[in-house]
Amino acid sequence: MKYSEAEKQIKALSSKYDIDMHGGNFDVAYNGKTYVIYVSSIYAYGLYVDDVNKFSGMPFSNKLYMIMAELAMTPLDERAEEKKHYIKIFDGGFGYLNIDISTGKMKTDNVREFYDFKTKFTDKEIEQLKQRDDVPLDRNKVRFEEVEDE
């Protein structure tokens, strides 16, 4: 389970739950108060409840615990979203690599993904693109711009 998936599921339980990556841990607070449960970001299976009595009285505490347990069981390197990059082939607002998802053909345009065009690429996808003869990905000639939060 990704951190983003856990956050989405927890926020769906109650708007009173707050998520924070305090100190690298995935912390859940209730009603703006102190953190009640957290998953360690450095220990596999590290799931901690601060006050069991307080926690068990919270709404949907069983569901919250199950979400957090699934996150804790997820290998550490699989929890974070993979960073994505735009590939800037030449200067200007229309100098970004776009790949047609249905045909695989390349064109340059802006960064906006629409219709069947992909503009955001993971490191793994970039490595796959480098194997193609029709996609110029010489690191000396193109720039990779990190995609900000989606």
N, C-alpha and C. Protein backbone atom coordinates (compact mmCIF):
# COMPACT_ATOMS: atom_id res chain seq x y z
N MET A 1 0.85 -1.17 0.00
CA MET A 1 0.00 0.00 0.00
C MET A 1 0.90 1.23 0.00
N LYS A 2 0.54 2.19 -0.82
CA LYS A 2 1.26 3.46 -0.88
C LYS A 2 0.76 4.38 0.23
N TYR A 3 1.63 5.32 0.64
CA TYR A 3 1.22 6.30 1.64
C TYR A 3 -0.02 7.05 1.18
N SER A 4 -0.05 7.40 -0.09
CA SER A 4 -1.18 8.16 -0.63
C SER A 4 -2.47 7.37 -0.57
N GLU A 5 -2.40 6.05 -0.78
CA GLU A 5 -3.59 5.21 -0.70
C GLU A 5 -4.10 5.15 0.74
N ALA A 6 -3.18 4.98 1.69
CA ALA A 6 -3.55 4.93 3.10
C ALA A 6 -4.21 6.25 3.51
N GLU A 7 -3.61 7.36 3.10
CA GLU A 7 -4.16 8.67 3.45
C GLU A 7 -5.58 8.83 2.90
N LYS A 8 -5.79 8.43 1.68
CA LYS A 8 -7.11 8.54 1.06
C LYS A 8 -8.14 7.70 1.81
N GLN A 9 -7.79 6.48 2.17
CA GLN A 9 -8.72 5.60 2.89
C GLN A 9 -9.02 6.13 4.28
N ILE A 10 -8.02 6.67 4.95
CA ILE A 10 -8.21 7.20 6.31
C ILE A 10 -9.08 8.45 6.28
N LYS A 11 -8.83 9.33 5.35
CA LYS A 11 -9.64 10.55 5.26
C LYS A 11 -11.09 10.23 4.90
N ALA A 12 -11.31 9.12 4.21
CA ALA A 12 -12.67 8.70 3.88
C ALA A 12 -13.41 8.21 5.12
N LEU A 13 -12.68 7.76 6.14
CA LEU A 13 -13.31 7.31 7.39
C LEU A 13 -13.93 8.47 8.15
N SER A 14 -13.17 9.57 8.27
CA SER A 14 -13.64 10.72 9.03
C SER A 14 -12.80 11.95 8.67
N SER A 15 -13.47 13.08 8.56
CA SER A 15 -12.75 14.33 8.29
C SER A 15 -11.96 14.79 9.51
N LYS A 16 -12.18 14.15 10.64
CA LYS A 16 -11.47 14.52 11.87
C LYS A 16 -10.08 13.88 11.97
N TYR A 17 -9.76 12.99 11.04
CA TYR A 17 -8.43 12.39 11.03
C TYR A 17 -7.48 13.26 10.22
N ASP A 18 -6.30 13.52 10.78
CA ASP A 18 -5.26 14.28 10.10
C ASP A 18 -4.04 13.38 9.92
N ILE A 19 -3.39 13.52 8.77
CA ILE A 19 -2.21 12.73 8.44
C ILE A 19 -1.00 13.66 8.40
N ASP A 20 0.13 13.15 8.91
CA ASP A 20 1.37 13.91 8.85
C ASP A 20 2.52 12.92 8.74
N MET A 21 3.53 13.29 7.97
CA MET A 21 4.74 12.47 7.87
C MET A 21 5.79 13.04 8.82
N HIS A 22 5.39 13.24 10.06
CA HIS A 22 6.23 13.81 11.11
C HIS A 22 7.44 12.92 11.37
N GLY A 23 8.63 13.50 11.22
CA GLY A 23 9.85 12.74 11.48
C GLY A 23 10.01 11.54 10.57
N GLY A 24 9.32 11.55 9.44
CA GLY A 24 9.40 10.43 8.50
C GLY A 24 8.36 9.37 8.74
N ASN A 25 7.76 9.34 9.93
CA ASN A 25 6.72 8.36 10.22
C ASN A 25 5.39 8.81 9.64
N PHE A 26 4.50 7.86 9.39
CA PHE A 26 3.16 8.15 8.90
C PHE A 26 2.25 8.23 10.13
N ASP A 27 1.97 9.47 10.57
CA ASP A 27 1.23 9.71 11.80
C ASP A 27 -0.22 10.05 11.52
N VAL A 28 -1.12 9.56 12.40
CA VAL A 28 -2.53 9.91 12.31
C VAL A 28 -2.93 10.56 13.62
N ALA A 29 -3.51 11.76 13.50
CA ALA A 29 -4.03 12.48 14.67
C ALA A 29 -5.55 12.50 14.56
N TYR A 30 -6.21 12.63 15.68
CA TYR A 30 -7.67 12.71 15.69
C TYR A 30 -8.11 14.04 16.26
N ASN A 31 -8.95 14.73 15.50
CA ASN A 31 -9.55 15.98 15.96
C ASN A 31 -8.50 17.04 16.32
N GLY A 32 -7.40 17.06 15.57
CA GLY A 32 -6.36 18.05 15.80
C GLY A 32 -5.54 17.83 17.05
N LYS A 33 -5.75 16.72 17.71
CA LYS A 33 -5.01 16.43 18.96
C LYS A 33 -3.71 15.70 18.62
N THR A 34 -3.06 15.21 19.65
CA THR A 34 -1.80 14.49 19.45
C THR A 34 -2.02 13.24 18.62
N TYR A 35 -0.94 12.74 18.10
CA TYR A 35 -0.99 11.56 17.25
C TYR A 35 -1.39 10.34 18.07
N VAL A 36 -2.29 9.54 17.48
CA VAL A 36 -2.82 8.40 18.20
C VAL A 36 -2.28 7.07 17.69
N ILE A 37 -1.86 7.06 16.43
CA ILE A 37 -1.33 5.83 15.84
C ILE A 37 -0.36 6.23 14.75
N TYR A 38 0.70 5.44 14.58
CA TYR A 38 1.64 5.75 13.50
C TYR A 38 2.34 4.50 13.00
N VAL A 39 2.82 4.61 11.76
CA VAL A 39 3.59 3.55 11.12
C VAL A 39 5.00 4.09 10.93
N SER A 40 5.98 3.29 11.33
CA SER A 40 7.38 3.67 11.20
C SER A 40 7.79 3.68 9.74
N SER A 41 8.62 4.65 9.40
CA SER A 41 9.14 4.71 8.03
C SER A 41 10.50 4.03 7.92
N ILE A 42 11.04 3.54 9.03
CA ILE A 42 12.35 2.88 8.98
C ILE A 42 12.32 1.41 9.42
N TYR A 43 11.21 0.98 10.04
CA TYR A 43 11.09 -0.41 10.48
C TYR A 43 9.91 -1.08 9.79
N ALA A 44 10.17 -2.20 9.13
CA ALA A 44 9.08 -2.97 8.55
C ALA A 44 8.19 -3.48 9.69
N TYR A 45 6.92 -3.49 9.49
CA TYR A 45 5.92 -3.94 10.47
C TYR A 45 5.86 -3.05 11.71
N GLY A 46 6.42 -1.86 11.64
CA GLY A 46 6.41 -0.94 12.79
C GLY A 46 5.11 -0.18 12.87
N LEU A 47 4.18 -0.69 13.66
CA LEU A 47 2.87 -0.06 13.87
C LEU A 47 2.73 0.20 15.37
N TYR A 48 2.43 1.44 15.73
CA TYR A 48 2.42 1.82 17.14
C TYR A 48 1.15 2.60 17.47
N VAL A 49 0.52 2.22 18.57
CA VAL A 49 -0.65 2.94 19.09
C VAL A 49 -0.21 3.60 20.39
N ASP A 50 -0.39 4.92 20.48
CA ASP A 50 0.09 5.66 21.65
C ASP A 50 -0.72 5.37 22.91
N ASP A 51 -2.04 5.37 22.82
CA ASP A 51 -2.91 5.14 23.98
C ASP A 51 -4.04 4.23 23.53
N VAL A 52 -3.96 2.95 23.87
CA VAL A 52 -4.92 1.96 23.40
C VAL A 52 -6.35 2.31 23.83
N ASN A 53 -6.53 2.78 25.04
CA ASN A 53 -7.88 3.12 25.51
C ASN A 53 -8.46 4.28 24.71
N LYS A 54 -7.68 5.30 24.50
CA LYS A 54 -8.13 6.44 23.73
C LYS A 54 -8.40 6.03 22.28
N PHE A 55 -7.49 5.23 21.73
CA PHE A 55 -7.62 4.80 20.34
C PHE A 55 -8.88 3.97 20.13
N SER A 56 -9.17 3.04 20.99
CA SER A 56 -10.33 2.15 20.80
C SER A 56 -11.66 2.90 20.90
N GLY A 57 -11.67 4.07 21.50
CA GLY A 57 -12.89 4.85 21.60
C GLY A 57 -13.13 5.78 20.42
N MET A 58 -12.19 5.83 19.50
CA MET A 58 -12.33 6.72 18.35
C MET A 58 -13.23 6.08 17.29
N PRO A 59 -13.91 6.91 16.47
CA PRO A 59 -14.76 6.34 15.43
C PRO A 59 -13.93 5.58 14.39
N PHE A 60 -14.45 4.45 14.00
CA PHE A 60 -13.83 3.60 12.97
C PHE A 60 -12.42 3.16 13.34
N SER A 61 -12.15 3.01 14.62
CA SER A 61 -10.80 2.65 15.06
C SER A 61 -10.36 1.29 14.50
N ASN A 62 -11.28 0.34 14.39
CA ASN A 62 -10.91 -0.98 13.84
C ASN A 62 -10.49 -0.86 12.38
N LYS A 63 -11.25 -0.09 11.60
CA LYS A 63 -10.91 0.10 10.18
C LYS A 63 -9.59 0.86 10.06
N LEU A 64 -9.41 1.88 10.89
CA LEU A 64 -8.16 2.64 10.87
C LEU A 64 -6.98 1.72 11.17
N TYR A 65 -7.14 0.87 12.17
CA TYR A 65 -6.06 -0.05 12.52
C TYR A 65 -5.73 -0.98 11.35
N MET A 66 -6.74 -1.48 10.66
CA MET A 66 -6.51 -2.39 9.54
C MET A 66 -5.77 -1.68 8.39
N ILE A 67 -6.15 -0.43 8.12
CA ILE A 67 -5.46 0.33 7.08
C ILE A 67 -4.00 0.52 7.46
N MET A 68 -3.77 0.90 8.71
CA MET A 68 -2.40 1.14 9.18
C MET A 68 -1.60 -0.16 9.20
N ALA A 69 -2.24 -1.28 9.54
CA ALA A 69 -1.55 -2.57 9.55
C ALA A 69 -1.13 -2.96 8.13
N GLU A 70 -2.00 -2.72 7.17
CA GLU A 70 -1.64 -3.04 5.78
C GLU A 70 -0.47 -2.17 5.32
N LEU A 71 -0.49 -0.90 5.70
CA LEU A 71 0.63 -0.02 5.36
C LEU A 71 1.93 -0.52 6.01
N ALA A 72 1.85 -0.91 7.27
CA ALA A 72 3.03 -1.39 8.00
C ALA A 72 3.60 -2.67 7.39
N MET A 73 2.73 -3.50 6.80
CA MET A 73 3.18 -4.75 6.18
C MET A 73 3.80 -4.53 4.81
N THR A 74 3.54 -3.39 4.20
CA THR A 74 4.08 -3.08 2.88
C THR A 74 5.58 -2.83 3.00
N PRO A 75 6.38 -3.46 2.15
CA PRO A 75 7.83 -3.20 2.21
C PRO A 75 8.13 -1.70 2.12
N LEU A 76 9.12 -1.26 2.87
CA LEU A 76 9.44 0.17 2.97
C LEU A 76 9.63 0.83 1.61
N ASP A 77 10.30 0.15 0.70
CA ASP A 77 10.59 0.76 -0.60
C ASP A 77 9.40 0.78 -1.55
N GLU A 78 8.27 0.21 -1.15
CA GLU A 78 7.08 0.20 -2.00
C GLU A 78 6.00 1.17 -1.51
N ARG A 79 6.25 1.89 -0.43
CA ARG A 79 5.22 2.76 0.16
C ARG A 79 5.12 4.12 -0.53
N ALA A 80 6.23 4.69 -0.93
CA ALA A 80 6.23 6.04 -1.52
C ALA A 80 5.88 5.95 -3.00
N GLU A 81 5.24 6.99 -3.48
CA GLU A 81 4.94 7.09 -4.90
C GLU A 81 6.25 7.26 -5.65
N GLU A 82 6.31 6.67 -6.82
CA GLU A 82 7.49 6.83 -7.65
C GLU A 82 7.49 8.24 -8.23
N LYS A 83 8.64 8.90 -8.18
CA LYS A 83 8.77 10.24 -8.74
C LYS A 83 8.58 10.17 -10.25
N LYS A 84 7.92 11.20 -10.77
CA LYS A 84 7.72 11.30 -12.21
C LYS A 84 8.42 12.56 -12.72
N HIS A 85 8.76 12.51 -14.00
CA HIS A 85 9.49 13.62 -14.62
C HIS A 85 8.86 13.98 -15.96
N TYR A 86 8.94 15.27 -16.27
CA TYR A 86 8.67 15.73 -17.63
C TYR A 86 10.00 15.67 -18.35
N ILE A 87 9.96 15.39 -19.63
CA ILE A 87 11.17 15.35 -20.43
C ILE A 87 11.15 16.55 -21.37
N LYS A 88 12.04 17.50 -21.12
CA LYS A 88 12.10 18.74 -21.91
C LYS A 88 13.13 18.54 -23.01
N ILE A 89 12.65 18.51 -24.25
CA ILE A 89 13.51 18.25 -25.39
C ILE A 89 14.12 19.54 -25.92
N PHE A 90 13.32 20.61 -25.93
CA PHE A 90 13.85 21.91 -26.33
C PHE A 90 13.11 23.01 -25.57
N ASP A 91 13.71 24.20 -25.52
CA ASP A 91 13.15 25.32 -24.77
C ASP A 91 11.80 25.76 -25.32
N GLY A 92 11.02 26.36 -24.45
CA GLY A 92 9.70 26.84 -24.84
C GLY A 92 8.61 25.99 -24.20
N GLY A 93 7.43 26.54 -24.18
CA GLY A 93 6.30 25.86 -23.55
C GLY A 93 5.83 24.61 -24.26
N PHE A 94 6.24 24.42 -25.51
CA PHE A 94 5.82 23.25 -26.27
C PHE A 94 6.98 22.32 -26.57
N GLY A 95 7.99 22.32 -25.72
CA GLY A 95 9.18 21.51 -25.95
C GLY A 95 9.24 20.23 -25.15
N TYR A 96 8.10 19.76 -24.63
CA TYR A 96 8.08 18.57 -23.78
C TYR A 96 7.68 17.32 -24.56
N LEU A 97 8.30 16.22 -24.21
CA LEU A 97 7.99 14.95 -24.86
C LEU A 97 6.56 14.51 -24.50
N ASN A 98 5.82 14.16 -25.52
CA ASN A 98 4.48 13.59 -25.37
C ASN A 98 4.48 12.26 -26.13
N ILE A 99 3.98 11.22 -25.51
CA ILE A 99 3.89 9.92 -26.17
C ILE A 99 2.41 9.56 -26.31
N ASP A 100 2.00 9.24 -27.52
CA ASP A 100 0.64 8.80 -27.78
C ASP A 100 0.49 7.40 -27.20
N ILE A 101 -0.39 7.23 -26.25
CA ILE A 101 -0.55 5.94 -25.55
C ILE A 101 -1.04 4.86 -26.50
N SER A 102 -1.91 5.22 -27.44
CA SER A 102 -2.48 4.20 -28.32
C SER A 102 -1.54 3.78 -29.45
N THR A 103 -0.71 4.71 -29.94
CA THR A 103 0.18 4.37 -31.07
C THR A 103 1.65 4.27 -30.67
N GLY A 104 2.02 4.90 -29.55
CA GLY A 104 3.42 4.91 -29.13
C GLY A 104 4.25 5.97 -29.83
N LYS A 105 3.63 6.75 -30.70
CA LYS A 105 4.37 7.78 -31.43
C LYS A 105 4.68 8.97 -30.54
N MET A 106 5.81 9.62 -30.85
CA MET A 106 6.31 10.75 -30.09
C MET A 106 5.96 12.06 -30.78
N LYS A 107 5.72 13.09 -29.95
CA LYS A 107 5.62 14.45 -30.45
C LYS A 107 6.03 15.37 -29.31
N THR A 108 6.24 16.64 -29.61
CA THR A 108 6.51 17.60 -28.55
C THR A 108 5.30 18.52 -28.42
N ASP A 109 5.04 18.90 -27.17
CA ASP A 109 3.89 19.77 -26.88
C ASP A 109 4.10 20.28 -25.45
N ASN A 110 3.02 20.72 -24.81
CA ASN A 110 3.14 21.21 -23.43
C ASN A 110 3.09 20.02 -22.45
N VAL A 111 3.08 20.30 -21.14
CA VAL A 111 3.13 19.24 -20.13
C VAL A 111 1.76 18.67 -19.79
N ARG A 112 0.71 19.29 -20.26
CA ARG A 112 -0.63 18.84 -19.90
C ARG A 112 -0.94 17.49 -20.54
N GLU A 113 -1.34 16.53 -19.70
CA GLU A 113 -1.74 15.23 -20.23
C GLU A 113 -3.22 15.30 -20.61
N PHE A 114 -3.51 15.00 -21.85
CA PHE A 114 -4.89 15.00 -22.30
C PHE A 114 -5.05 13.97 -23.41
N TYR A 115 -6.29 13.59 -23.65
CA TYR A 115 -6.61 12.56 -24.62
C TYR A 115 -5.75 11.33 -24.34
N ASP A 116 -5.01 10.91 -25.33
CA ASP A 116 -4.19 9.71 -25.19
C ASP A 116 -2.70 10.01 -25.07
N PHE A 117 -2.34 11.23 -24.62
CA PHE A 117 -0.93 11.59 -24.57
C PHE A 117 -0.38 11.59 -23.15
N LYS A 118 0.75 10.92 -23.00
CA LYS A 118 1.43 10.80 -21.71
C LYS A 118 2.60 11.79 -21.71
N THR A 119 2.72 12.58 -20.62
CA THR A 119 3.82 13.55 -20.51
C THR A 119 4.65 13.35 -19.25
N LYS A 120 4.18 12.50 -18.33
CA LYS A 120 4.88 12.26 -17.06
C LYS A 120 5.44 10.84 -17.07
N PHE A 121 6.73 10.72 -16.75
CA PHE A 121 7.40 9.44 -16.87
C PHE A 121 8.19 9.10 -15.60
N THR A 122 8.08 7.84 -15.15
CA THR A 122 8.89 7.36 -14.03
C THR A 122 10.29 7.04 -14.55
N ASP A 123 11.23 6.83 -13.64
CA ASP A 123 12.59 6.47 -14.04
C ASP A 123 12.60 5.19 -14.87
N LYS A 124 11.77 4.24 -14.48
CA LYS A 124 11.70 2.97 -15.21
C LYS A 124 11.19 3.20 -16.64
N GLU A 125 10.17 4.04 -16.79
CA GLU A 125 9.64 4.34 -18.11
C GLU A 125 10.67 5.09 -18.96
N ILE A 126 11.44 5.97 -18.33
CA ILE A 126 12.49 6.70 -19.06
C ILE A 126 13.54 5.72 -19.58
N GLU A 127 13.91 4.74 -18.76
CA GLU A 127 14.89 3.74 -19.20
C GLU A 127 14.35 2.95 -20.39
N GLN A 128 13.06 2.64 -20.37
CA GLN A 128 12.44 1.92 -21.49
C GLN A 128 12.43 2.79 -22.75
N LEU A 129 12.17 4.09 -22.59
CA LEU A 129 12.16 5.00 -23.73
C LEU A 129 13.55 5.12 -24.35
N LYS A 130 14.59 5.03 -23.52
CA LYS A 130 15.96 5.14 -24.03
C LYS A 130 16.30 4.01 -25.00
N GLN A 131 15.59 2.91 -24.90
CA GLN A 131 15.84 1.77 -25.78
C GLN A 131 15.25 1.98 -27.18
N ARG A 132 14.38 2.97 -27.30
CA ARG A 132 13.73 3.23 -28.58
C ARG A 132 14.62 4.12 -29.46
N ASP A 133 14.65 3.80 -30.75
CA ASP A 133 15.45 4.58 -31.69
C ASP A 133 14.81 5.93 -32.02
N ASP A 134 13.49 6.03 -31.90
CA ASP A 134 12.79 7.24 -32.33
C ASP A 134 12.60 8.27 -31.20
N VAL A 135 13.13 7.99 -29.99
CA VAL A 135 12.98 8.92 -28.86
C VAL A 135 14.36 9.39 -28.42
N PRO A 136 14.68 10.68 -28.65
CA PRO A 136 16.02 11.20 -28.32
C PRO A 136 16.16 11.52 -26.83
N LEU A 137 16.77 10.64 -26.07
CA LEU A 137 16.89 10.86 -24.64
C LEU A 137 18.34 10.92 -24.17
N ASP A 138 19.18 11.55 -24.93
CA ASP A 138 20.56 11.77 -24.53
C ASP A 138 20.55 12.76 -23.37
N ARG A 139 21.02 12.34 -22.21
CA ARG A 139 20.99 13.19 -21.01
C ARG A 139 21.73 14.51 -21.20
N ASN A 140 22.62 14.59 -22.15
CA ASN A 140 23.34 15.83 -22.43
C ASN A 140 22.50 16.80 -23.27
N LYS A 141 21.43 16.30 -23.87
CA LYS A 141 20.63 17.13 -24.78
C LYS A 141 19.22 17.42 -24.27
N VAL A 142 18.74 16.68 -23.30
CA VAL A 142 17.39 16.91 -22.77
C VAL A 142 17.48 17.20 -21.28
N ARG A 143 16.42 17.81 -20.73
CA ARG A 143 16.34 18.07 -19.29
C ARG A 143 15.17 17.28 -18.73
N PHE A 144 15.35 16.84 -17.48
CA PHE A 144 14.29 16.13 -16.79
C PHE A 144 13.80 17.03 -15.66
N GLU A 145 12.53 17.37 -15.69
CA GLU A 145 11.94 18.23 -14.67
C GLU A 145 11.00 17.40 -13.80
N GLU A 146 11.22 17.44 -12.51
CA GLU A 146 10.38 16.65 -11.59
C GLU A 146 8.96 17.20 -11.57
N VAL A 147 8.01 16.28 -11.63
CA VAL A 147 6.59 16.64 -11.54
C VAL A 147 6.28 16.93 -10.09
N GLU A 148 5.72 18.10 -9.83
CA GLU A 148 5.32 18.45 -8.46
C GLU A 148 4.10 17.62 -8.08
N ASP A 149 3.68 17.71 -6.82
CA ASP A 149 2.55 16.92 -6.34
C ASP A 149 1.39 16.97 -7.31
N GLU A 150 0.87 15.77 -7.57
CA GLU A 150 -0.25 15.67 -8.50
C GLU A 150 -1.56 15.79 -7.79
